[in-house]
Amino acid sequence: MDGVSIDAKDWHYDALNRALKLFGFEINRIEHLTTFDGLPTRTKLKMLSVVRGLPVELHDVINEMKQANTLGLQTSL
């Protein structure tokens, strides 16, 4: 630890939305804070499939893209 405290939750939120938007989906900030915050990505994707019709076949692709986006956001600092 270098003594710097960061809120990585915003990185994860932004990274997931970048991936979701490519397929026409998004989690807005209020939904994130009231429903999705703190849940694993795979759980969020399952919930989006149930409530918004996100195709289950996209889960793996979106999860991989989210992970890559998270790394990209971290290294851009």
PDB file of N, CA and C in Angstrom:
ATOM      1  N   MET A   1       0.833  -1.176   0.000  1.00  0.00           N
ATOM      2  CA  MET A   1       0.000   0.000   0.000  1.00  0.00           C
ATOM      3  C   MET A   1       0.881   1.244   0.000  1.00  0.00           C
ATOM      4  N   ASP A   2       0.481   2.224  -0.785  1.00  0.00           N
ATOM      5  CA  ASP A   2       1.248   3.462  -0.850  1.00  0.00           C
ATOM      6  C   ASP A   2       0.589   4.581  -0.052  1.00  0.00           C
ATOM      7  N   GLY A   3      -0.433   4.262   0.730  1.00  0.00           N
ATOM      8  CA  GLY A   3      -1.090   5.264   1.542  1.00  0.00           C
ATOM      9  C   GLY A   3      -2.183   6.031   0.827  1.00  0.00           C
ATOM     10  N   VAL A   4      -2.392   5.746  -0.449  1.00  0.00           N
ATOM     11  CA  VAL A   4      -3.421   6.436  -1.213  1.00  0.00           C
ATOM     12  C   VAL A   4      -4.687   5.596  -1.193  1.00  0.00           C
ATOM     13  N   SER A   5      -5.776   6.209  -0.805  1.00  0.00           N
ATOM     14  CA  SER A   5      -7.056   5.518  -0.768  1.00  0.00           C
ATOM     15  C   SER A   5      -7.876   5.929  -1.985  1.00  0.00           C
ATOM     16  N   ILE A   6      -8.420   4.942  -2.682  1.00  0.00           N
ATOM     17  CA  ILE A   6      -9.236   5.213  -3.862  1.00  0.00           C
ATOM     18  C   ILE A   6     -10.556   4.475  -3.742  1.00  0.00           C
ATOM     19  N   ASP A   7     -11.547   4.954  -4.430  1.00  0.00           N
ATOM     20  CA  ASP A   7     -12.820   4.268  -4.460  1.00  0.00           C
ATOM     21  C   ASP A   7     -12.925   3.532  -5.789  1.00  0.00           C
ATOM     22  N   ALA A   8     -12.513   2.281  -5.774  1.00  0.00           N
ATOM     23  CA  ALA A   8     -12.495   1.482  -6.996  1.00  0.00           C
ATOM     24  C   ALA A   8     -13.892   1.111  -7.470  1.00  0.00           C
ATOM     25  N   LYS A   9     -14.919   1.322  -6.645  1.00  0.00           N
ATOM     26  CA  LYS A   9     -16.281   0.989  -7.067  1.00  0.00           C
ATOM     27  C   LYS A   9     -16.676   1.783  -8.302  1.00  0.00           C
ATOM     28  N   ASP A  10     -16.231   3.029  -8.384  1.00  0.00           N
ATOM     29  CA  ASP A  10     -16.541   3.837  -9.568  1.00  0.00           C
ATOM     30  C   ASP A  10     -15.890   3.251 -10.816  1.00  0.00           C
ATOM     31  N   TRP A  11     -14.688   2.726 -10.682  1.00  0.00           N
ATOM     32  CA  TRP A  11     -14.012   2.085 -11.820  1.00  0.00           C
ATOM     33  C   TRP A  11     -14.847   0.918 -12.321  1.00  0.00           C
ATOM     34  N   HIS A  12     -15.302   0.102 -11.387  1.00  0.00           N
ATOM     35  CA  HIS A  12     -16.068  -1.085 -11.767  1.00  0.00           C
ATOM     36  C   HIS A  12     -17.407  -0.695 -12.403  1.00  0.00           C
ATOM     37  N   TYR A  13     -18.043   0.313 -11.855  1.00  0.00           N
ATOM     38  CA  TYR A  13     -19.304   0.806 -12.417  1.00  0.00           C
ATOM     39  C   TYR A  13     -19.082   1.306 -13.848  1.00  0.00           C
ATOM     40  N   ASP A  14     -18.085   2.145 -14.036  1.00  0.00           N
ATOM     41  CA  ASP A  14     -17.799   2.690 -15.371  1.00  0.00           C
ATOM     42  C   ASP A  14     -17.379   1.598 -16.347  1.00  0.00           C
ATOM     43  N   ALA A  15     -16.554   0.676 -15.881  1.00  0.00           N
ATOM     44  CA  ALA A  15     -16.065  -0.398 -16.749  1.00  0.00           C
ATOM     45  C   ALA A  15     -17.204  -1.297 -17.222  1.00  0.00           C
ATOM     46  N   LEU A  16     -18.120  -1.627 -16.319  1.00  0.00           N
ATOM     47  CA  LEU A  16     -19.254  -2.470 -16.713  1.00  0.00           C
ATOM     48  C   LEU A  16     -20.150  -1.728 -17.691  1.00  0.00           C
ATOM     49  N   ASN A  17     -20.426  -0.466 -17.419  1.00  0.00           N
ATOM     50  CA  ASN A  17     -21.291   0.288 -18.322  1.00  0.00           C
ATOM     51  C   ASN A  17     -20.676   0.447 -19.712  1.00  0.00           C
ATOM     52  N   ARG A  18     -19.373   0.597 -19.791  1.00  0.00           N
ATOM     53  CA  ARG A  18     -18.735   0.668 -21.114  1.00  0.00           C
ATOM     54  C   ARG A  18     -19.020  -0.594 -21.917  1.00  0.00           C
ATOM     55  N   ALA A  19     -18.931  -1.735 -21.257  1.00  0.00           N
ATOM     56  CA  ALA A  19     -19.199  -3.005 -21.938  1.00  0.00           C
ATOM     57  C   ALA A  19     -20.689  -3.140 -22.262  1.00  0.00           C
ATOM     58  N   LEU A  20     -21.546  -2.817 -21.321  1.00  0.00           N
ATOM     59  CA  LEU A  20     -22.992  -2.946 -21.540  1.00  0.00           C
ATOM     60  C   LEU A  20     -23.485  -2.058 -22.677  1.00  0.00           C
ATOM     61  N   LYS A  21     -22.952  -0.846 -22.751  1.00  0.00           N
ATOM     62  CA  LYS A  21     -23.419   0.115 -23.764  1.00  0.00           C
ATOM     63  C   LYS A  21     -23.180  -0.384 -25.184  1.00  0.00           C
ATOM     64  N   LEU A  22     -22.162  -1.200 -25.366  1.00  0.00           N
ATOM     65  CA  LEU A  22     -21.898  -1.757 -26.697  1.00  0.00           C
ATOM     66  C   LEU A  22     -23.033  -2.653 -27.172  1.00  0.00           C
ATOM     67  N   PHE A  23     -23.842  -3.131 -26.229  1.00  0.00           N
ATOM     68  CA  PHE A  23     -24.954  -4.017 -26.562  1.00  0.00           C
ATOM     69  C   PHE A  23     -26.305  -3.362 -26.272  1.00  0.00           C
ATOM     70  N   GLY A  24     -26.295  -2.038 -26.042  1.00  0.00           N
ATOM     71  CA  GLY A  24     -27.534  -1.303 -25.855  1.00  0.00           C
ATOM     72  C   GLY A  24     -28.111  -1.340 -24.450  1.00  0.00           C
ATOM     73  N   PHE A  25     -27.298  -1.657 -23.463  1.00  0.00           N
ATOM     74  CA  PHE A  25     -27.755  -1.715 -22.078  1.00  0.00           C
ATOM     75  C   PHE A  25     -26.929  -0.744 -21.242  1.00  0.00           C
ATOM     76  N   GLU A  26     -27.473  -0.393 -20.071  1.00  0.00           N
ATOM     77  CA  GLU A  26     -26.764   0.504 -19.168  1.00  0.00           C
ATOM     78  C   GLU A  26     -27.395   0.415 -17.785  1.00  0.00           C
ATOM     79  N   ILE A  27     -26.590   0.646 -16.769  1.00  0.00           N
ATOM     80  CA  ILE A  27     -27.074   0.774 -15.400  1.00  0.00           C
ATOM     81  C   ILE A  27     -26.854   2.235 -15.019  1.00  0.00           C
ATOM     82  N   ASN A  28     -27.950   2.946 -14.726  1.00  0.00           N
ATOM     83  CA  ASN A  28     -27.748   4.349 -14.359  1.00  0.00           C
ATOM     84  C   ASN A  28     -27.259   4.445 -12.918  1.00  0.00           C
ATOM     85  N   ARG A  29     -26.789   5.614 -12.543  1.00  0.00           N
ATOM     86  CA  ARG A  29     -26.158   5.813 -11.234  1.00  0.00           C
ATOM     87  C   ARG A  29     -27.114   5.476 -10.084  1.00  0.00           C
ATOM     88  N   ILE A  30     -28.368   5.881 -10.179  1.00  0.00           N
ATOM     89  CA  ILE A  30     -29.321   5.599  -9.099  1.00  0.00           C
ATOM     90  C   ILE A  30     -29.564   4.097  -8.970  1.00  0.00           C
ATOM     91  N   GLU A  31     -29.738   3.412 -10.106  1.00  0.00           N
ATOM     92  CA  GLU A  31     -29.904   1.947 -10.066  1.00  0.00           C
ATOM     93  C   GLU A  31     -28.673   1.288  -9.456  1.00  0.00           C
ATOM     94  N   HIS A  32     -27.524   1.799  -9.840  1.00  0.00           N
ATOM     95  CA  HIS A  32     -26.276   1.237  -9.318  1.00  0.00           C
ATOM     96  C   HIS A  32     -26.261   1.349  -7.797  1.00  0.00           C
ATOM     97  N   LEU A  33     -26.547   2.528  -7.279  1.00  0.00           N
ATOM     98  CA  LEU A  33     -26.467   2.759  -5.838  1.00  0.00           C
ATOM     99  C   LEU A  33     -27.555   2.029  -5.059  1.00  0.00           C
ATOM    100  N   THR A  34     -28.734   1.890  -5.635  1.00  0.00           N
ATOM    101  CA  THR A  34     -29.852   1.288  -4.900  1.00  0.00           C
ATOM    102  C   THR A  34     -30.014  -0.214  -5.111  1.00  0.00           C
ATOM    103  N   THR A  35     -29.500  -0.732  -6.211  1.00  0.00           N
ATOM    104  CA  THR A  35     -29.763  -2.137  -6.537  1.00  0.00           C
ATOM    105  C   THR A  35     -28.503  -2.966  -6.772  1.00  0.00           C
ATOM    106  N   PHE A  36     -27.555  -2.436  -7.525  1.00  0.00           N
ATOM    107  CA  PHE A  36     -26.441  -3.244  -8.014  1.00  0.00           C
ATOM    108  C   PHE A  36     -25.135  -3.090  -7.234  1.00  0.00           C
ATOM    109  N   ASP A  37     -24.993  -2.023  -6.468  1.00  0.00           N
ATOM    110  CA  ASP A  37     -23.734  -1.722  -5.799  1.00  0.00           C
ATOM    111  C   ASP A  37     -23.307  -2.854  -4.875  1.00  0.00           C
ATOM    112  N   GLY A  38     -22.074  -3.275  -5.007  1.00  0.00           N
ATOM    113  CA  GLY A  38     -21.513  -4.306  -4.147  1.00  0.00           C
ATOM    114  C   GLY A  38     -21.721  -5.726  -4.621  1.00  0.00           C
ATOM    115  N   LEU A  39     -22.517  -5.915  -5.657  1.00  0.00           N
ATOM    116  CA  LEU A  39     -22.763  -7.262  -6.172  1.00  0.00           C
ATOM    117  C   LEU A  39     -21.691  -7.653  -7.176  1.00  0.00           C
ATOM    118  N   PRO A  40     -21.380  -8.936  -7.268  1.00  0.00           N
ATOM    119  CA  PRO A  40     -20.442  -9.393  -8.294  1.00  0.00           C
ATOM    120  C   PRO A  40     -20.995  -9.133  -9.699  1.00  0.00           C
ATOM    121  N   THR A  41     -20.117  -8.938 -10.641  1.00  0.00           N
ATOM    122  CA  THR A  41     -20.518  -8.657 -12.016  1.00  0.00           C
ATOM    123  C   THR A  41     -21.457  -9.728 -12.556  1.00  0.00           C
ATOM    124  N   ARG A  42     -21.150 -10.970 -12.319  1.00  0.00           N
ATOM    125  CA  ARG A  42     -22.002 -12.044 -12.850  1.00  0.00           C
ATOM    126  C   ARG A  42     -23.418 -11.977 -12.280  1.00  0.00           C
ATOM    127  N   THR A  43     -23.551 -11.582 -11.037  1.00  0.00           N
ATOM    128  CA  THR A  43     -24.875 -11.423 -10.437  1.00  0.00           C
ATOM    129  C   THR A  43     -25.618 -10.273 -11.103  1.00  0.00           C
ATOM    130  N   LYS A  44     -24.913  -9.179 -11.350  1.00  0.00           N
ATOM    131  CA  LYS A  44     -25.524  -8.030 -12.035  1.00  0.00           C
ATOM    132  C   LYS A  44     -26.010  -8.440 -13.420  1.00  0.00           C
ATOM    133  N   LEU A  45     -25.205  -9.205 -14.134  1.00  0.00           N
ATOM    134  CA  LEU A  45     -25.587  -9.640 -15.479  1.00  0.00           C
ATOM    135  C   LEU A  45     -26.822 -10.537 -15.437  1.00  0.00           C
ATOM    136  N   LYS A  46     -26.874 -11.441 -14.458  1.00  0.00           N
ATOM    137  CA  LYS A  46     -28.054 -12.304 -14.320  1.00  0.00           C
ATOM    138  C   LYS A  46     -29.303 -11.468 -14.047  1.00  0.00           C
ATOM    139  N   MET A  47     -29.158 -10.471 -13.177  1.00  0.00           N
ATOM    140  CA  MET A  47     -30.295  -9.601 -12.869  1.00  0.00           C
ATOM    141  C   MET A  47     -30.749  -8.837 -14.106  1.00  0.00           C
ATOM    142  N   LEU A  48     -29.803  -8.343 -14.888  1.00  0.00           N
ATOM    143  CA  LEU A  48     -30.146  -7.621 -16.112  1.00  0.00           C
ATOM    144  C   LEU A  48     -30.843  -8.533 -17.118  1.00  0.00           C
ATOM    145  N   SER A  49     -30.479  -9.792 -17.120  1.00  0.00           N
ATOM    146  CA  SER A  49     -31.160 -10.740 -18.016  1.00  0.00           C
ATOM    147  C   SER A  49     -32.616 -10.907 -17.608  1.00  0.00           C
ATOM    148  N   VAL A  50     -32.860 -10.981 -16.316  1.00  0.00           N
ATOM    149  CA  VAL A  50     -34.225 -11.177 -15.829  1.00  0.00           C
ATOM    150  C   VAL A  50     -35.075  -9.926 -16.033  1.00  0.00           C
ATOM    151  N   VAL A  51     -34.554  -8.759 -15.649  1.00  0.00           N
ATOM    152  CA  VAL A  51     -35.395  -7.561 -15.652  1.00  0.00           C
ATOM    153  C   VAL A  51     -35.364  -6.777 -16.958  1.00  0.00           C
ATOM    154  N   ARG A  52     -34.300  -6.980 -17.776  1.00  0.00           N
ATOM    155  CA  ARG A  52     -34.206  -6.190 -19.007  1.00  0.00           C
ATOM    156  C   ARG A  52     -33.995  -7.009 -20.268  1.00  0.00           C
ATOM    157  N   GLY A  53     -33.881  -8.311 -20.120  1.00  0.00           N
ATOM    158  CA  GLY A  53     -33.732  -9.149 -21.298  1.00  0.00           C
ATOM    159  C   GLY A  53     -32.334  -9.206 -21.883  1.00  0.00           C
ATOM    160  N   LEU A  54     -31.324  -8.918 -21.071  1.00  0.00           N
ATOM    161  CA  LEU A  54     -29.952  -9.072 -21.547  1.00  0.00           C
ATOM    162  C   LEU A  54     -29.729 -10.540 -21.913  1.00  0.00           C
ATOM    163  N   PRO A  55     -29.328 -10.826 -23.147  1.00  0.00           N
ATOM    164  CA  PRO A  55     -29.121 -12.231 -23.532  1.00  0.00           C
ATOM    165  C   PRO A  55     -28.031 -12.896 -22.689  1.00  0.00           C
ATOM    166  N   VAL A  56     -28.359 -14.039 -22.145  1.00  0.00           N
ATOM    167  CA  VAL A  56     -27.422 -14.794 -21.312  1.00  0.00           C
ATOM    168  C   VAL A  56     -26.145 -15.115 -22.088  1.00  0.00           C
ATOM    169  N   GLU A  57     -26.279 -15.281 -23.398  1.00  0.00           N
ATOM    170  CA  GLU A  57     -25.121 -15.602 -24.232  1.00  0.00           C
ATOM    171  C   GLU A  57     -24.060 -14.495 -24.207  1.00  0.00           C
ATOM    172  N   LEU A  58     -24.439 -13.297 -23.796  1.00  0.00           N
ATOM    173  CA  LEU A  58     -23.493 -12.177 -23.748  1.00  0.00           C
ATOM    174  C   LEU A  58     -22.761 -12.065 -22.417  1.00  0.00           C
ATOM    175  N   HIS A  59     -23.164 -12.821 -21.420  1.00  0.00           N
ATOM    176  CA  HIS A  59     -22.569 -12.686 -20.096  1.00  0.00           C
ATOM    177  C   HIS A  59     -21.047 -12.826 -20.107  1.00  0.00           C
ATOM    178  N   ASP A  60     -20.537 -13.883 -20.715  1.00  0.00           N
ATOM    179  CA  ASP A  60     -19.084 -14.094 -20.714  1.00  0.00           C
ATOM    180  C   ASP A  60     -18.357 -12.965 -21.428  1.00  0.00           C
ATOM    181  N   VAL A  61     -18.859 -12.556 -22.564  1.00  0.00           N
ATOM    182  CA  VAL A  61     -18.221 -11.483 -23.341  1.00  0.00           C
ATOM    183  C   VAL A  61     -18.229 -10.177 -22.553  1.00  0.00           C
ATOM    184  N   ILE A  62     -19.374  -9.838 -21.985  1.00  0.00           N
ATOM    185  CA  ILE A  62     -19.471  -8.590 -21.227  1.00  0.00           C
ATOM    186  C   ILE A  62     -18.583  -8.641 -19.993  1.00  0.00           C
ATOM    187  N   ASN A  63     -18.553  -9.770 -19.313  1.00  0.00           N
ATOM    188  CA  ASN A  63     -17.700  -9.904 -18.133  1.00  0.00           C
ATOM    189  C   ASN A  63     -16.220  -9.717 -18.503  1.00  0.00           C
ATOM    190  N   GLU A  64     -15.791 -10.338 -19.581  1.00  0.00           N
ATOM    191  CA  GLU A  64     -14.393 -10.187 -20.023  1.00  0.00           C
ATOM    192  C   GLU A  64     -14.083  -8.746 -20.416  1.00  0.00           C
ATOM    193  N   MET A  65     -15.019  -8.108 -21.111  1.00  0.00           N
ATOM    194  CA  MET A  65     -14.825  -6.716 -21.502  1.00  0.00           C
ATOM    195  C   MET A  65     -14.769  -5.810 -20.275  1.00  0.00           C
ATOM    196  N   LYS A  66     -15.619  -6.091 -19.305  1.00  0.00           N
ATOM    197  CA  LYS A  66     -15.629  -5.302 -18.061  1.00  0.00           C
ATOM    198  C   LYS A  66     -14.286  -5.422 -17.359  1.00  0.00           C
ATOM    199  N   GLN A  67     -13.744  -6.631 -17.283  1.00  0.00           N
ATOM    200  CA  GLN A  67     -12.442  -6.826 -16.627  1.00  0.00           C
ATOM    201  C   GLN A  67     -11.347  -6.054 -17.358  1.00  0.00           C
ATOM    202  N   ALA A  68     -11.350  -6.125 -18.677  1.00  0.00           N
ATOM    203  CA  ALA A  68     -10.354  -5.394 -19.467  1.00  0.00           C
ATOM    204  C   ALA A  68     -10.526  -3.887 -19.290  1.00  0.00           C
ATOM    205  N   ASN A  69     -11.762  -3.423 -19.269  1.00  0.00           N
ATOM    206  CA  ASN A  69     -12.031  -1.998 -19.062  1.00  0.00           C
ATOM    207  C   ASN A  69     -11.553  -1.539 -17.689  1.00  0.00           C
ATOM    208  N   THR A  70     -11.752  -2.375 -16.676  1.00  0.00           N
ATOM    209  CA  THR A  70     -11.310  -2.030 -15.322  1.00  0.00           C
ATOM    210  C   THR A  70      -9.802  -1.860 -15.290  1.00  0.00           C
ATOM    211  N   LEU A  71      -9.090  -2.783 -15.908  1.00  0.00           N
ATOM    212  CA  LEU A  71      -7.632  -2.677 -15.952  1.00  0.00           C
ATOM    213  C   LEU A  71      -7.199  -1.417 -16.704  1.00  0.00           C
ATOM    214  N   GLY A  72      -7.885  -1.115 -17.782  1.00  0.00           N
ATOM    215  CA  GLY A  72      -7.570   0.073 -18.558  1.00  0.00           C
ATOM    216  C   GLY A  72      -7.788   1.354 -17.769  1.00  0.00           C
ATOM    217  N   LEU A  73      -8.856   1.387 -16.980  1.00  0.00           N
ATOM    218  CA  LEU A  73      -9.142   2.569 -16.158  1.00  0.00           C
ATOM    219  C   LEU A  73      -8.087   2.726 -15.064  1.00  0.00           C
ATOM    220  N   GLN A  74      -7.651   1.611 -14.497  1.00  0.00           N
ATOM    221  CA  GLN A  74      -6.657   1.655 -13.430  1.00  0.00           C
ATOM    222  C   GLN A  74      -5.307   2.131 -13.949  1.00  0.00           C
ATOM    223  N   THR A  75      -4.934   1.661 -15.124  1.00  0.00           N
ATOM    224  CA  THR A  75      -3.602   1.999 -15.648  1.00  0.00           C
ATOM    225  C   THR A  75      -3.567   3.382 -16.268  1.00  0.00           C
ATOM    226  N   SER A  76      -4.752   3.992 -16.479  1.00  0.00           N
ATOM    227  CA  SER A  76      -4.758   5.328 -17.083  1.00  0.00           C
ATOM    228  C   SER A  76      -4.532   6.423 -16.048  1.00  0.00           C
ATOM    229  N   LEU A  77      -4.455   6.055 -14.777  1.00  0.00           N
ATOM    230  CA  LEU A  77      -4.243   7.054 -13.729  1.00  0.00           C
ATOM    231  C   LEU A  77      -2.792   7.413 -13.574  1.00  0.00           C
TER     232      LEU A  77
END
